[in-house]
Amino acid sequence: MEPRVFLDFLHRLEALKCNTRHSWTSTGRHETVAAHSWRLAMMALLLKDELPEVDMDKVLRMCLIHDWGEAVTGDIPSFEKSEADEAEESTALAGLVAQLPQPQRGEMTALFAEMDALNTPEARVYKALDKLEAVIQHNEAPLDTWIPLERELNRTYAVPECAPFPYLAALRQAVLEDTDQKLSASNEI
């Protein structure tokens, strides 16, 4: 890749460091899209031995790129995202990927298509981890940053995605215990 093309593309992705998500950190700061993607990638990296039947290097790549479209659109929480929002993000993502030269453009296009289809174990693990990371982050955030909907959402989000993978199902159960403990400590359970 030509240095100028690389730098221009990297500059577009810098927005992920600036764009905030609905979530908050444990210190009361809005989480950025890049921070979410970074920790999601760390989850994939650290769980390699727990999911030996899955190509976790591919999952890691999926985790790193999964929110590229949000460099253009910003983040919209999943419980607020409409079909129109999904279409806008897809268009933004296609525009970003089109700026890449070959072979990167083809590789990223194929990876995003696999992620969207959710037909491979790798895509399903990435999606489960993506949702699970959001729940973990909410557990770490101060409870006063949660909206009422999140009391139940934090108990149910990512459960079906984690269920097919025994380790992820056990991890999701541990995360539920953390949610219940947080809510119980505040007398909300």
C-alpha atoms as a PDB file:
ATOM      1  CA  MET A   1       0.000   0.000   0.000  1.00  0.00           C
ATOM      2  CA  GLU A   2       1.332   3.412  -0.913  1.00  0.00           C
ATOM      3  CA  PRO A   3       2.319   5.442   2.169  1.00  0.00           C
ATOM      4  CA  ARG A   4      -0.111   8.301   1.358  1.00  0.00           C
ATOM      5  CA  VAL A   5      -3.034   5.897   0.844  1.00  0.00           C
ATOM      6  CA  PHE A   6      -2.145   4.182   4.109  1.00  0.00           C
ATOM      7  CA  LEU A   7      -1.951   7.469   6.035  1.00  0.00           C
ATOM      8  CA  ASP A   8      -5.189   8.779   4.536  1.00  0.00           C
ATOM      9  CA  PHE A   9      -7.022   5.587   5.462  1.00  0.00           C
ATOM     10  CA  LEU A  10      -5.534   5.563   8.946  1.00  0.00           C
ATOM     11  CA  HIS A  11      -6.683   9.167   9.360  1.00  0.00           C
ATOM     12  CA  ARG A  12     -10.272   8.132   8.530  1.00  0.00           C
ATOM     13  CA  LEU A  13     -10.080   5.409  11.176  1.00  0.00           C
ATOM     14  CA  GLU A  14      -8.812   7.892  13.766  1.00  0.00           C
ATOM     15  CA  ALA A  15     -12.433   8.954  14.206  1.00  0.00           C
ATOM     16  CA  LEU A  16     -12.952   5.669  16.071  1.00  0.00           C
ATOM     17  CA  LYS A  17     -10.710   7.055  18.812  1.00  0.00           C
ATOM     18  CA  CYS A  18     -12.907  10.158  19.008  1.00  0.00           C
ATOM     19  CA  ASN A  19     -16.420   8.756  18.539  1.00  0.00           C
ATOM     20  CA  THR A  20     -18.014   7.722  21.803  1.00  0.00           C
ATOM     21  CA  ARG A  21     -20.343   4.839  22.510  1.00  0.00           C
ATOM     22  CA  HIS A  22     -23.346   4.612  24.763  1.00  0.00           C
ATOM     23  CA  SER A  23     -21.191   2.868  27.401  1.00  0.00           C
ATOM     24  CA  TRP A  24     -19.152   4.452  30.139  1.00  0.00           C
ATOM     25  CA  THR A  25     -15.863   3.326  31.676  1.00  0.00           C
ATOM     26  CA  SER A  26     -15.323   2.499  35.331  1.00  0.00           C
ATOM     27  CA  THR A  27     -13.893   6.002  35.837  1.00  0.00           C
ATOM     28  CA  GLY A  28     -17.042   7.683  34.510  1.00  0.00           C
ATOM     29  CA  ARG A  29     -15.690   8.567  31.051  1.00  0.00           C
ATOM     30  CA  HIS A  30     -17.565   7.833  27.836  1.00  0.00           C
ATOM     31  CA  GLU A  31     -16.106   4.760  26.151  1.00  0.00           C
ATOM     32  CA  THR A  32     -14.825   5.279  22.600  1.00  0.00           C
ATOM     33  CA  VAL A  33     -15.504   2.956  19.693  1.00  0.00           C
ATOM     34  CA  ALA A  34     -11.755   2.275  19.471  1.00  0.00           C
ATOM     35  CA  ALA A  35     -11.560   1.327  23.151  1.00  0.00           C
ATOM     36  CA  HIS A  36     -14.402  -1.161  22.670  1.00  0.00           C
ATOM     37  CA  SER A  37     -12.720  -2.648  19.586  1.00  0.00           C
ATOM     38  CA  TRP A  38      -9.383  -2.881  21.379  1.00  0.00           C
ATOM     39  CA  ARG A  39     -10.794  -4.799  24.331  1.00  0.00           C
ATOM     40  CA  LEU A  40     -12.873  -6.975  22.036  1.00  0.00           C
ATOM     41  CA  ALA A  41      -9.659  -7.873  20.185  1.00  0.00           C
ATOM     42  CA  MET A  42      -7.963  -8.630  23.516  1.00  0.00           C
ATOM     43  CA  MET A  43     -10.799 -11.018  24.351  1.00  0.00           C
ATOM     44  CA  ALA A  44     -10.269 -12.877  21.061  1.00  0.00           C
ATOM     45  CA  LEU A  45      -6.523 -12.995  21.606  1.00  0.00           C
ATOM     46  CA  LEU A  46      -6.781 -14.297  25.171  1.00  0.00           C
ATOM     47  CA  LEU A  47      -9.462 -16.900  24.424  1.00  0.00           C
ATOM     48  CA  LYS A  48      -7.533 -18.667  21.663  1.00  0.00           C
ATOM     49  CA  ASP A  49      -6.903 -21.778  23.796  1.00  0.00           C
ATOM     50  CA  GLU A  50     -10.514 -21.896  25.016  1.00  0.00           C
ATOM     51  CA  LEU A  51     -11.903 -22.219  21.475  1.00  0.00           C
ATOM     52  CA  PRO A  52      -9.380 -24.461  19.667  1.00  0.00           C
ATOM     53  CA  GLU A  53     -11.890 -25.426  16.967  1.00  0.00           C
ATOM     54  CA  VAL A  54     -12.202 -21.777  15.877  1.00  0.00           C
ATOM     55  CA  ASP A  55      -9.675 -19.772  13.853  1.00  0.00           C
ATOM     56  CA  MET A  56      -9.185 -17.119  16.516  1.00  0.00           C
ATOM     57  CA  ASP A  57      -6.709 -15.201  14.357  1.00  0.00           C
ATOM     58  CA  LYS A  58      -9.588 -14.599  11.949  1.00  0.00           C
ATOM     59  CA  VAL A  59     -11.863 -13.690  14.872  1.00  0.00           C
ATOM     60  CA  LEU A  60      -9.209 -11.223  16.033  1.00  0.00           C
ATOM     61  CA  ARG A  61      -9.215  -9.560  12.605  1.00  0.00           C
ATOM     62  CA  MET A  62     -13.014  -9.393  12.688  1.00  0.00           C
ATOM     63  CA  CYS A  63     -12.926  -7.778  16.113  1.00  0.00           C
ATOM     64  CA  LEU A  64     -10.443  -5.150  14.978  1.00  0.00           C
ATOM     65  CA  ILE A  65     -12.456  -4.080  11.926  1.00  0.00           C
ATOM     66  CA  HIS A  66     -16.056  -4.695  12.985  1.00  0.00           C
ATOM     67  CA  ASP A  67     -16.920  -1.054  13.745  1.00  0.00           C
ATOM     68  CA  TRP A  68     -15.076   0.658  10.876  1.00  0.00           C
ATOM     69  CA  GLY A  69     -18.368   2.036   9.555  1.00  0.00           C
ATOM     70  CA  GLU A  70     -18.778   3.949  12.812  1.00  0.00           C
ATOM     71  CA  ALA A  71     -15.773   6.070  11.835  1.00  0.00           C
ATOM     72  CA  VAL A  72     -18.247   7.740   9.471  1.00  0.00           C
ATOM     73  CA  THR A  73     -21.640   7.301  11.164  1.00  0.00           C
ATOM     74  CA  GLY A  74     -20.729   7.335  14.845  1.00  0.00           C
ATOM     75  CA  ASP A  75     -22.134   4.763  17.252  1.00  0.00           C
ATOM     76  CA  ILE A  76     -25.822   4.027  17.658  1.00  0.00           C
ATOM     77  CA  PRO A  77     -26.683   1.625  20.501  1.00  0.00           C
ATOM     78  CA  SER A  78     -28.052  -1.686  19.237  1.00  0.00           C
ATOM     79  CA  PHE A  79     -31.350  -1.156  21.048  1.00  0.00           C
ATOM     80  CA  GLU A  80     -31.866   2.118  19.129  1.00  0.00           C
ATOM     81  CA  LYS A  81     -30.458   1.113  15.713  1.00  0.00           C
ATOM     82  CA  SER A  82     -33.012   1.054  12.900  1.00  0.00           C
ATOM     83  CA  GLU A  83     -32.854  -0.624   9.496  1.00  0.00           C
ATOM     84  CA  ALA A  84     -32.115   2.805   8.016  1.00  0.00           C
ATOM     85  CA  ASP A  85     -29.182   3.191  10.433  1.00  0.00           C
ATOM     86  CA  GLU A  86     -27.903  -0.257   9.438  1.00  0.00           C
ATOM     87  CA  ALA A  87     -28.131   0.685   5.756  1.00  0.00           C
ATOM     88  CA  GLU A  88     -26.319   3.978   6.350  1.00  0.00           C
ATOM     89  CA  GLU A  89     -23.521   2.193   8.220  1.00  0.00           C
ATOM     90  CA  SER A  90     -23.217  -0.416   5.451  1.00  0.00           C
ATOM     91  CA  THR A  91     -22.930   2.329   2.842  1.00  0.00           C
ATOM     92  CA  ALA A  92     -20.332   4.157   4.939  1.00  0.00           C
ATOM     93  CA  LEU A  93     -18.366   0.935   5.396  1.00  0.00           C
ATOM     94  CA  ALA A  94     -18.452   0.170   1.669  1.00  0.00           C
ATOM     95  CA  GLY A  95     -17.150   3.668   0.974  1.00  0.00           C
ATOM     96  CA  LEU A  96     -14.293   3.212   3.422  1.00  0.00           C
ATOM     97  CA  VAL A  97     -13.300  -0.217   2.144  1.00  0.00           C
ATOM     98  CA  ALA A  98     -13.428   1.047  -1.455  1.00  0.00           C
ATOM     99  CA  GLN A  99     -10.563   3.415  -0.590  1.00  0.00           C
ATOM    100  CA  LEU A 100      -8.256   0.468   0.075  1.00  0.00           C
ATOM    101  CA  PRO A 101      -6.088  -0.890  -2.717  1.00  0.00           C
ATOM    102  CA  GLN A 102      -6.106  -4.550  -3.663  1.00  0.00           C
ATOM    103  CA  PRO A 103      -5.529  -7.032  -2.119  1.00  0.00           C
ATOM    104  CA  GLN A 104      -6.672  -5.339   1.132  1.00  0.00           C
ATOM    105  CA  ARG A 105      -9.996  -4.231  -0.396  1.00  0.00           C
ATOM    106  CA  GLY A 106     -10.861  -7.790  -1.419  1.00  0.00           C
ATOM    107  CA  GLU A 107      -9.747  -9.240   1.910  1.00  0.00           C
ATOM    108  CA  MET A 108     -11.783  -6.746   3.932  1.00  0.00           C
ATOM    109  CA  THR A 109     -14.831  -7.100   1.678  1.00  0.00           C
ATOM    110  CA  ALA A 110     -14.760 -10.876   2.112  1.00  0.00           C
ATOM    111  CA  LEU A 111     -14.260 -10.605   5.869  1.00  0.00           C
ATOM    112  CA  PHE A 112     -17.164  -8.173   6.276  1.00  0.00           C
ATOM    113  CA  ALA A 113     -19.389 -10.415   4.135  1.00  0.00           C
ATOM    114  CA  GLU A 114     -18.533 -13.386   6.357  1.00  0.00           C
ATOM    115  CA  MET A 115     -19.264 -11.332   9.469  1.00  0.00           C
ATOM    116  CA  ASP A 116     -22.635 -10.209   8.103  1.00  0.00           C
ATOM    117  CA  ALA A 117     -23.682 -13.717   7.083  1.00  0.00           C
ATOM    118  CA  LEU A 118     -22.851 -15.235  10.501  1.00  0.00           C
ATOM    119  CA  ASN A 119     -22.504 -18.646   8.831  1.00  0.00           C
ATOM    120  CA  THR A 120     -19.060 -19.562  10.145  1.00  0.00           C
ATOM    121  CA  PRO A 121     -17.944 -20.364  13.685  1.00  0.00           C
ATOM    122  CA  GLU A 122     -15.536 -17.425  13.463  1.00  0.00           C
ATOM    123  CA  ALA A 123     -18.268 -14.927  12.614  1.00  0.00           C
ATOM    124  CA  ARG A 124     -20.530 -16.298  15.337  1.00  0.00           C
ATOM    125  CA  VAL A 125     -17.748 -16.126  17.949  1.00  0.00           C
ATOM    126  CA  TYR A 126     -16.893 -12.554  16.933  1.00  0.00           C
ATOM    127  CA  LYS A 127     -20.564 -11.550  17.284  1.00  0.00           C
ATOM    128  CA  ALA A 128     -20.882 -13.270  20.678  1.00  0.00           C
ATOM    129  CA  LEU A 129     -17.738 -11.556  21.953  1.00  0.00           C
ATOM    130  CA  ASP A 130     -18.862  -8.180  20.591  1.00  0.00           C
ATOM    131  CA  LYS A 131     -22.101  -8.357  22.534  1.00  0.00           C
ATOM    132  CA  LEU A 132     -20.445  -9.850  25.593  1.00  0.00           C
ATOM    133  CA  GLU A 133     -17.853  -7.079  25.762  1.00  0.00           C
ATOM    134  CA  ALA A 134     -20.665  -4.515  25.902  1.00  0.00           C
ATOM    135  CA  VAL A 135     -22.250  -6.308  28.857  1.00  0.00           C
ATOM    136  CA  ILE A 136     -18.904  -6.548  30.661  1.00  0.00           C
ATOM    137  CA  GLN A 137     -18.330  -2.829  30.112  1.00  0.00           C
ATOM    138  CA  HIS A 138     -21.743  -2.009  31.531  1.00  0.00           C
ATOM    139  CA  ASN A 139     -20.935  -4.084  34.599  1.00  0.00           C
ATOM    140  CA  GLU A 140     -17.790  -2.010  35.073  1.00  0.00           C
ATOM    141  CA  ALA A 141     -19.533   1.333  34.579  1.00  0.00           C
ATOM    142  CA  PRO A 142     -21.235   3.195  37.407  1.00  0.00           C
ATOM    143  CA  LEU A 143     -24.853   2.058  37.709  1.00  0.00           C
ATOM    144  CA  ASP A 144     -26.101   5.629  37.395  1.00  0.00           C
ATOM    145  CA  THR A 145     -24.921   5.584  33.745  1.00  0.00           C
ATOM    146  CA  TRP A 146     -27.347   2.761  32.930  1.00  0.00           C
ATOM    147  CA  ILE A 147     -30.719   3.582  31.431  1.00  0.00           C
ATOM    148  CA  PRO A 148     -33.696   1.587  32.828  1.00  0.00           C
ATOM    149  CA  LEU A 149     -33.778  -0.763  29.819  1.00  0.00           C
ATOM    150  CA  GLU A 150     -30.241  -1.912  30.581  1.00  0.00           C
ATOM    151  CA  ARG A 151     -31.154  -3.548  33.884  1.00  0.00           C
ATOM    152  CA  GLU A 152     -32.818  -6.372  31.929  1.00  0.00           C
ATOM    153  CA  LEU A 153     -30.695  -6.064  28.798  1.00  0.00           C
ATOM    154  CA  ASN A 154     -27.516  -6.676  30.798  1.00  0.00           C
ATOM    155  CA  ARG A 155     -29.053  -9.928  32.026  1.00  0.00           C
ATOM    156  CA  THR A 156     -30.076 -11.232  28.569  1.00  0.00           C
ATOM    157  CA  TYR A 157     -27.858  -9.622  25.912  1.00  0.00           C
ATOM    158  CA  ALA A 158     -25.467 -12.089  24.190  1.00  0.00           C
ATOM    159  CA  VAL A 159     -27.015 -15.181  25.793  1.00  0.00           C
ATOM    160  CA  PRO A 160     -28.177 -16.801  22.512  1.00  0.00           C
ATOM    161  CA  GLU A 161     -24.932 -15.879  20.736  1.00  0.00           C
ATOM    162  CA  CYS A 162     -22.786 -17.435  23.483  1.00  0.00           C
ATOM    163  CA  ALA A 163     -24.911 -20.574  23.973  1.00  0.00           C
ATOM    164  CA  PRO A 164     -23.439 -22.691  21.101  1.00  0.00           C
ATOM    165  CA  PHE A 165     -19.929 -22.376  22.551  1.00  0.00           C
ATOM    166  CA  PRO A 166     -19.559 -24.024  25.988  1.00  0.00           C
ATOM    167  CA  TYR A 167     -16.753 -21.761  27.163  1.00  0.00           C
ATOM    168  CA  LEU A 168     -18.582 -18.608  26.049  1.00  0.00           C
ATOM    169  CA  ALA A 169     -21.799 -19.839  27.689  1.00  0.00           C
ATOM    170  CA  ALA A 170     -19.910 -20.303  30.966  1.00  0.00           C
ATOM    171  CA  LEU A 171     -18.315 -16.883  30.568  1.00  0.00           C
ATOM    172  CA  ARG A 172     -21.729 -15.321  29.904  1.00  0.00           C
ATOM    173  CA  GLN A 173     -23.034 -16.965  33.087  1.00  0.00           C
ATOM    174  CA  ALA A 174     -20.163 -15.447  35.092  1.00  0.00           C
ATOM    175  CA  VAL A 175     -20.936 -12.046  33.572  1.00  0.00           C
ATOM    176  CA  LEU A 176     -24.601 -12.482  34.576  1.00  0.00           C
ATOM    177  CA  GLU A 177     -23.470 -13.157  38.132  1.00  0.00           C
ATOM    178  CA  ASP A 178     -21.541  -9.875  38.045  1.00  0.00           C
ATOM    179  CA  THR A 179     -24.636  -8.058  36.756  1.00  0.00           C
ATOM    180  CA  ASP A 180     -26.825  -9.570  39.461  1.00  0.00           C
ATOM    181  CA  GLN A 181     -24.259  -8.689  42.137  1.00  0.00           C
ATOM    182  CA  LYS A 182     -24.086  -5.084  40.898  1.00  0.00           C
ATOM    183  CA  LEU A 183     -27.878  -4.752  40.861  1.00  0.00           C
ATOM    184  CA  SER A 184     -28.233  -6.508  44.213  1.00  0.00           C
ATOM    185  CA  ALA A 185     -25.690  -4.185  45.834  1.00  0.00           C
ATOM    186  CA  SER A 186     -27.869  -1.276  44.760  1.00  0.00           C
ATOM    187  CA  ASN A 187     -31.061  -3.026  45.955  1.00  0.00           C
ATOM    188  CA  GLU A 188     -32.385  -3.266  42.395  1.00  0.00           C
ATOM    189  CA  ILE A 189     -32.733  -7.065  42.389  1.00  0.00           C
END
